[in-house]
């Protein structure tokens, strides 16, 4: 049952992020998706991956892999969030006809 809850919250977070970012600018999409990645997807996905790995290896200590997975996903989301925040506005160049 914890597997279903963890994967479910990660999927629901992704669906909400998709709805919030649909039709928005690229900068807004970066911000929405990375906040969702850091707060909704990263902790629950690392938790369920850790539990899945522990069940497969039949060793409860193997679930501590989540302590390695979570920071990697979180920091990746943080870096891309900062890129999205400090990204300059794109300027379109008009083609000379």
N, C-alpha and C. Protein backbone atom coordinates (compact mmCIF):
# COMPACT_ATOMS: atom_id res chain seq x y z
N UNK A 1 0.80 -1.21 0.00
CA UNK A 1 0.00 0.00 0.00
C UNK A 1 0.85 1.27 0.00
N UNK A 2 1.99 1.34 0.71
CA UNK A 2 2.80 2.56 0.64
C UNK A 2 3.30 2.85 -0.77
N UNK A 3 3.48 1.78 -1.57
CA UNK A 3 3.93 1.97 -2.94
C UNK A 3 2.89 2.77 -3.72
N UNK A 4 1.64 2.39 -3.57
CA UNK A 4 0.55 3.03 -4.30
C UNK A 4 0.43 4.49 -3.88
N UNK A 5 0.54 4.75 -2.61
CA UNK A 5 0.43 6.13 -2.11
C UNK A 5 1.58 6.99 -2.64
N UNK A 6 2.79 6.48 -2.57
CA UNK A 6 3.95 7.23 -3.05
C UNK A 6 3.90 7.51 -4.53
N UNK A 7 3.65 6.47 -5.32
CA UNK A 7 3.56 6.67 -6.77
C UNK A 7 2.35 7.52 -7.12
N UNK A 8 1.26 7.36 -6.40
CA UNK A 8 0.05 8.14 -6.66
C UNK A 8 0.26 9.62 -6.43
N UNK A 9 0.91 9.97 -5.33
CA UNK A 9 1.16 11.39 -5.05
C UNK A 9 2.11 11.98 -6.09
N UNK A 10 3.11 11.22 -6.51
CA UNK A 10 4.03 11.71 -7.54
C UNK A 10 3.29 11.93 -8.86
N UNK A 11 2.41 11.01 -9.23
CA UNK A 11 1.66 11.15 -10.48
C UNK A 11 0.66 12.30 -10.39
N UNK A 12 -0.02 12.42 -9.27
CA UNK A 12 -0.97 13.52 -9.08
C UNK A 12 -0.24 14.87 -9.12
N UNK A 13 0.94 14.94 -8.51
CA UNK A 13 1.73 16.16 -8.57
C UNK A 13 2.13 16.51 -9.98
N UNK A 14 2.49 15.50 -10.77
CA UNK A 14 2.85 15.75 -12.18
C UNK A 14 1.64 16.21 -12.98
N UNK A 15 0.47 15.64 -12.71
CA UNK A 15 -0.74 16.06 -13.42
C UNK A 15 -1.12 17.50 -13.07
N UNK A 16 -0.98 17.87 -11.81
CA UNK A 16 -1.29 19.24 -11.40
C UNK A 16 -0.29 20.21 -12.03
N UNK A 17 0.99 19.83 -12.06
CA UNK A 17 2.00 20.69 -12.68
C UNK A 17 1.71 20.86 -14.17
N UNK A 18 1.28 19.80 -14.82
CA UNK A 18 0.94 19.89 -16.24
C UNK A 18 -0.21 20.87 -16.45
N UNK A 19 -1.24 20.79 -15.61
CA UNK A 19 -2.38 21.69 -15.74
C UNK A 19 -1.98 23.15 -15.47
N UNK A 20 -1.09 23.36 -14.50
CA UNK A 20 -0.67 24.72 -14.17
C UNK A 20 0.26 25.32 -15.21
N UNK A 21 0.98 24.47 -15.96
CA UNK A 21 1.95 24.99 -16.91
C UNK A 21 1.46 25.00 -18.35
N UNK A 22 0.30 24.43 -18.59
CA UNK A 22 -0.22 24.36 -19.96
C UNK A 22 -0.57 25.76 -20.45
N UNK A 23 0.01 26.13 -21.60
CA UNK A 23 -0.27 27.42 -22.20
C UNK A 23 0.52 28.58 -21.60
N UNK A 24 1.46 28.31 -20.74
CA UNK A 24 2.25 29.37 -20.10
C UNK A 24 3.57 29.54 -20.87
N UNK A 25 4.30 30.58 -20.50
CA UNK A 25 5.60 30.82 -21.12
C UNK A 25 6.60 29.76 -20.67
N UNK A 26 7.69 29.67 -21.40
CA UNK A 26 8.73 28.69 -21.09
C UNK A 26 9.31 28.93 -19.69
N UNK A 27 9.47 30.19 -19.33
CA UNK A 27 10.00 30.52 -18.00
C UNK A 27 9.05 30.04 -16.91
N UNK A 28 7.76 30.28 -17.09
CA UNK A 28 6.76 29.85 -16.10
C UNK A 28 6.72 28.32 -16.00
N UNK A 29 6.87 27.65 -17.14
CA UNK A 29 6.88 26.19 -17.14
C UNK A 29 8.07 25.65 -16.35
N UNK A 30 9.25 26.26 -16.54
CA UNK A 30 10.42 25.86 -15.75
C UNK A 30 10.13 25.98 -14.27
N UNK A 31 9.58 27.11 -13.86
CA UNK A 31 9.34 27.37 -12.45
C UNK A 31 8.33 26.38 -11.87
N UNK A 32 7.21 26.19 -12.56
CA UNK A 32 6.15 25.30 -12.05
C UNK A 32 6.65 23.86 -11.96
N UNK A 33 7.28 23.37 -13.01
CA UNK A 33 7.71 21.98 -13.02
C UNK A 33 8.80 21.71 -12.00
N UNK A 34 9.72 22.63 -11.80
CA UNK A 34 10.80 22.37 -10.86
C UNK A 34 10.34 22.48 -9.42
N UNK A 35 9.41 23.37 -9.13
CA UNK A 35 8.86 23.40 -7.77
C UNK A 35 8.10 22.11 -7.50
N UNK A 36 7.37 21.64 -8.49
CA UNK A 36 6.66 20.37 -8.33
C UNK A 36 7.64 19.22 -8.17
N UNK A 37 8.72 19.24 -8.93
CA UNK A 37 9.73 18.20 -8.82
C UNK A 37 10.34 18.17 -7.43
N UNK A 38 10.61 19.34 -6.87
CA UNK A 38 11.26 19.40 -5.57
C UNK A 38 10.31 19.05 -4.42
N UNK A 39 9.05 19.48 -4.51
CA UNK A 39 8.15 19.32 -3.37
C UNK A 39 7.22 18.12 -3.45
N UNK A 40 6.81 17.73 -4.63
CA UNK A 40 5.82 16.65 -4.75
C UNK A 40 6.41 15.37 -5.30
N UNK A 41 7.26 15.47 -6.29
CA UNK A 41 7.73 14.26 -6.95
C UNK A 41 8.95 13.67 -6.25
N UNK A 42 9.93 14.48 -5.94
CA UNK A 42 11.20 13.99 -5.39
C UNK A 42 11.06 13.19 -4.09
N UNK A 43 10.40 13.70 -3.05
CA UNK A 43 10.35 12.92 -1.81
C UNK A 43 9.55 11.63 -1.94
N UNK A 44 8.43 11.68 -2.63
CA UNK A 44 7.58 10.50 -2.71
C UNK A 44 8.15 9.46 -3.67
N UNK A 45 8.76 9.92 -4.75
CA UNK A 45 9.36 8.98 -5.69
C UNK A 45 10.58 8.30 -5.07
N UNK A 46 11.41 9.04 -4.35
CA UNK A 46 12.57 8.42 -3.71
C UNK A 46 12.12 7.45 -2.61
N UNK A 47 11.05 7.77 -1.90
CA UNK A 47 10.51 6.88 -0.88
C UNK A 47 10.05 5.56 -1.48
N UNK A 48 9.29 5.64 -2.56
CA UNK A 48 8.76 4.41 -3.15
C UNK A 48 9.84 3.61 -3.86
N UNK A 49 10.81 4.29 -4.47
CA UNK A 49 11.92 3.55 -5.08
C UNK A 49 12.72 2.83 -4.00
N UNK A 50 12.95 3.50 -2.87
CA UNK A 50 13.66 2.86 -1.76
C UNK A 50 12.92 1.66 -1.22
N UNK A 51 11.60 1.78 -1.04
CA UNK A 51 10.82 0.64 -0.56
C UNK A 51 10.78 -0.50 -1.57
N UNK A 52 10.65 -0.15 -2.83
CA UNK A 52 10.64 -1.18 -3.87
C UNK A 52 11.97 -1.94 -3.88
N UNK A 53 13.07 -1.21 -3.80
CA UNK A 53 14.38 -1.85 -3.78
C UNK A 53 14.56 -2.72 -2.54
N UNK A 54 14.06 -2.26 -1.39
CA UNK A 54 14.15 -3.05 -0.17
C UNK A 54 13.35 -4.34 -0.27
N UNK A 55 12.19 -4.29 -0.88
CA UNK A 55 11.37 -5.50 -1.05
C UNK A 55 12.05 -6.47 -2.01
N UNK A 56 12.63 -5.96 -3.08
CA UNK A 56 13.29 -6.83 -4.05
C UNK A 56 14.50 -7.52 -3.44
N UNK A 57 15.30 -6.77 -2.68
CA UNK A 57 16.50 -7.36 -2.09
C UNK A 57 16.22 -8.08 -0.77
N UNK A 58 15.00 -7.94 -0.26
CA UNK A 58 14.59 -8.54 1.01
C UNK A 58 15.50 -8.11 2.16
N UNK A 59 15.84 -6.83 2.16
CA UNK A 59 16.69 -6.27 3.19
C UNK A 59 16.14 -4.87 3.52
N UNK A 60 15.72 -4.70 4.75
CA UNK A 60 15.14 -3.42 5.15
C UNK A 60 16.12 -2.27 5.09
N UNK A 61 17.40 -2.54 5.30
CA UNK A 61 18.40 -1.49 5.26
C UNK A 61 18.61 -0.97 3.83
N UNK A 62 18.21 -1.74 2.86
CA UNK A 62 18.36 -1.30 1.47
C UNK A 62 17.44 -0.11 1.16
N UNK A 63 16.41 0.08 1.97
CA UNK A 63 15.50 1.20 1.74
C UNK A 63 16.18 2.54 1.97
N UNK A 64 17.34 2.52 2.62
CA UNK A 64 18.06 3.77 2.86
C UNK A 64 18.64 4.36 1.58
N UNK A 65 18.47 3.67 0.47
CA UNK A 65 18.89 4.24 -0.81
C UNK A 65 18.13 5.52 -1.10
N UNK A 66 16.96 5.66 -0.48
CA UNK A 66 16.18 6.88 -0.68
C UNK A 66 16.93 8.10 -0.17
N UNK A 67 17.83 7.94 0.77
CA UNK A 67 18.61 9.07 1.27
C UNK A 67 19.62 9.55 0.24
N UNK A 68 19.92 8.71 -0.75
CA UNK A 68 20.81 9.12 -1.83
C UNK A 68 20.02 9.63 -3.03
N UNK A 69 18.86 9.08 -3.27
CA UNK A 69 18.06 9.46 -4.43
C UNK A 69 17.43 10.83 -4.23
N UNK A 70 16.89 11.08 -3.05
CA UNK A 70 16.18 12.34 -2.79
C UNK A 70 17.04 13.57 -3.04
N UNK A 71 18.25 13.67 -2.46
CA UNK A 71 19.03 14.89 -2.70
C UNK A 71 19.41 15.10 -4.16
N UNK A 72 19.66 14.02 -4.87
CA UNK A 72 20.03 14.15 -6.28
C UNK A 72 18.88 14.76 -7.07
N UNK A 73 17.68 14.23 -6.90
CA UNK A 73 16.52 14.76 -7.62
C UNK A 73 16.20 16.18 -7.15
N UNK A 74 16.29 16.42 -5.85
CA UNK A 74 15.96 17.73 -5.29
C UNK A 74 16.93 18.80 -5.80
N UNK A 75 18.22 18.52 -5.77
CA UNK A 75 19.21 19.50 -6.21
C UNK A 75 19.09 19.74 -7.71
N UNK A 76 18.80 18.70 -8.47
CA UNK A 76 18.58 18.88 -9.90
C UNK A 76 17.39 19.82 -10.14
N UNK A 77 16.31 19.63 -9.42
CA UNK A 77 15.16 20.52 -9.53
C UNK A 77 15.50 21.93 -9.11
N UNK A 78 16.30 22.09 -8.06
CA UNK A 78 16.68 23.42 -7.58
C UNK A 78 17.53 24.15 -8.60
N UNK A 79 18.48 23.45 -9.22
CA UNK A 79 19.35 24.08 -10.21
C UNK A 79 18.53 24.55 -11.42
N UNK A 80 17.66 23.69 -11.91
CA UNK A 80 16.87 24.07 -13.07
C UNK A 80 15.85 25.16 -12.70
N UNK A 81 15.37 25.17 -11.46
CA UNK A 81 14.48 26.24 -11.00
C UNK A 81 15.21 27.58 -11.03
N UNK A 82 16.44 27.60 -10.56
CA UNK A 82 17.22 28.83 -10.59
C UNK A 82 17.50 29.27 -12.02
N UNK A 83 17.74 28.31 -12.92
CA UNK A 83 17.91 28.65 -14.33
C UNK A 83 16.62 29.28 -14.86
N UNK A 84 15.48 28.70 -14.49
CA UNK A 84 14.20 29.24 -14.95
C UNK A 84 13.91 30.62 -14.40
N UNK A 85 14.30 30.88 -13.18
CA UNK A 85 14.04 32.19 -12.57
C UNK A 85 14.92 33.27 -13.18
N UNK A 86 16.20 32.96 -13.36
CA UNK A 86 17.14 33.97 -13.83
C UNK A 86 17.33 33.97 -15.36
N UNK A 87 16.53 33.20 -16.05
CA UNK A 87 16.62 33.15 -17.51
C UNK A 87 16.09 34.47 -18.09
N UNK A 88 16.81 34.99 -19.04
CA UNK A 88 16.38 36.23 -19.67
C UNK A 88 15.23 35.94 -20.63
N UNK A 89 14.41 36.94 -20.81
CA UNK A 89 13.27 36.79 -21.70
C UNK A 89 13.75 36.60 -23.13
N UNK A 90 13.17 35.64 -23.82
CA UNK A 90 13.56 35.36 -25.19
C UNK A 90 13.06 36.47 -26.11
N UNK A 91 13.92 36.87 -27.01
CA UNK A 91 13.55 37.90 -27.97
C UNK A 91 13.49 37.26 -29.35
N UNK A 92 12.41 37.51 -30.02
CA UNK A 92 12.25 36.96 -31.36
C UNK A 92 12.88 37.90 -32.38
N UNK A 93 13.58 37.30 -33.30
CA UNK A 93 14.19 38.09 -34.36
C UNK A 93 13.31 38.01 -35.59
N UNK A 94 12.99 39.15 -36.12
CA UNK A 94 12.15 39.21 -37.32
C UNK A 94 13.04 38.96 -38.54
N UNK A 95 12.60 38.10 -39.41
CA UNK A 95 13.34 37.81 -40.63
C UNK A 95 13.13 38.95 -41.64
N UNK A 96 14.22 39.35 -42.24
CA UNK A 96 14.13 40.39 -43.26
C UNK A 96 13.60 39.75 -44.55
N UNK A 97 12.56 40.33 -45.08
CA UNK A 97 11.98 39.80 -46.32
C UNK A 97 12.37 40.62 -47.50
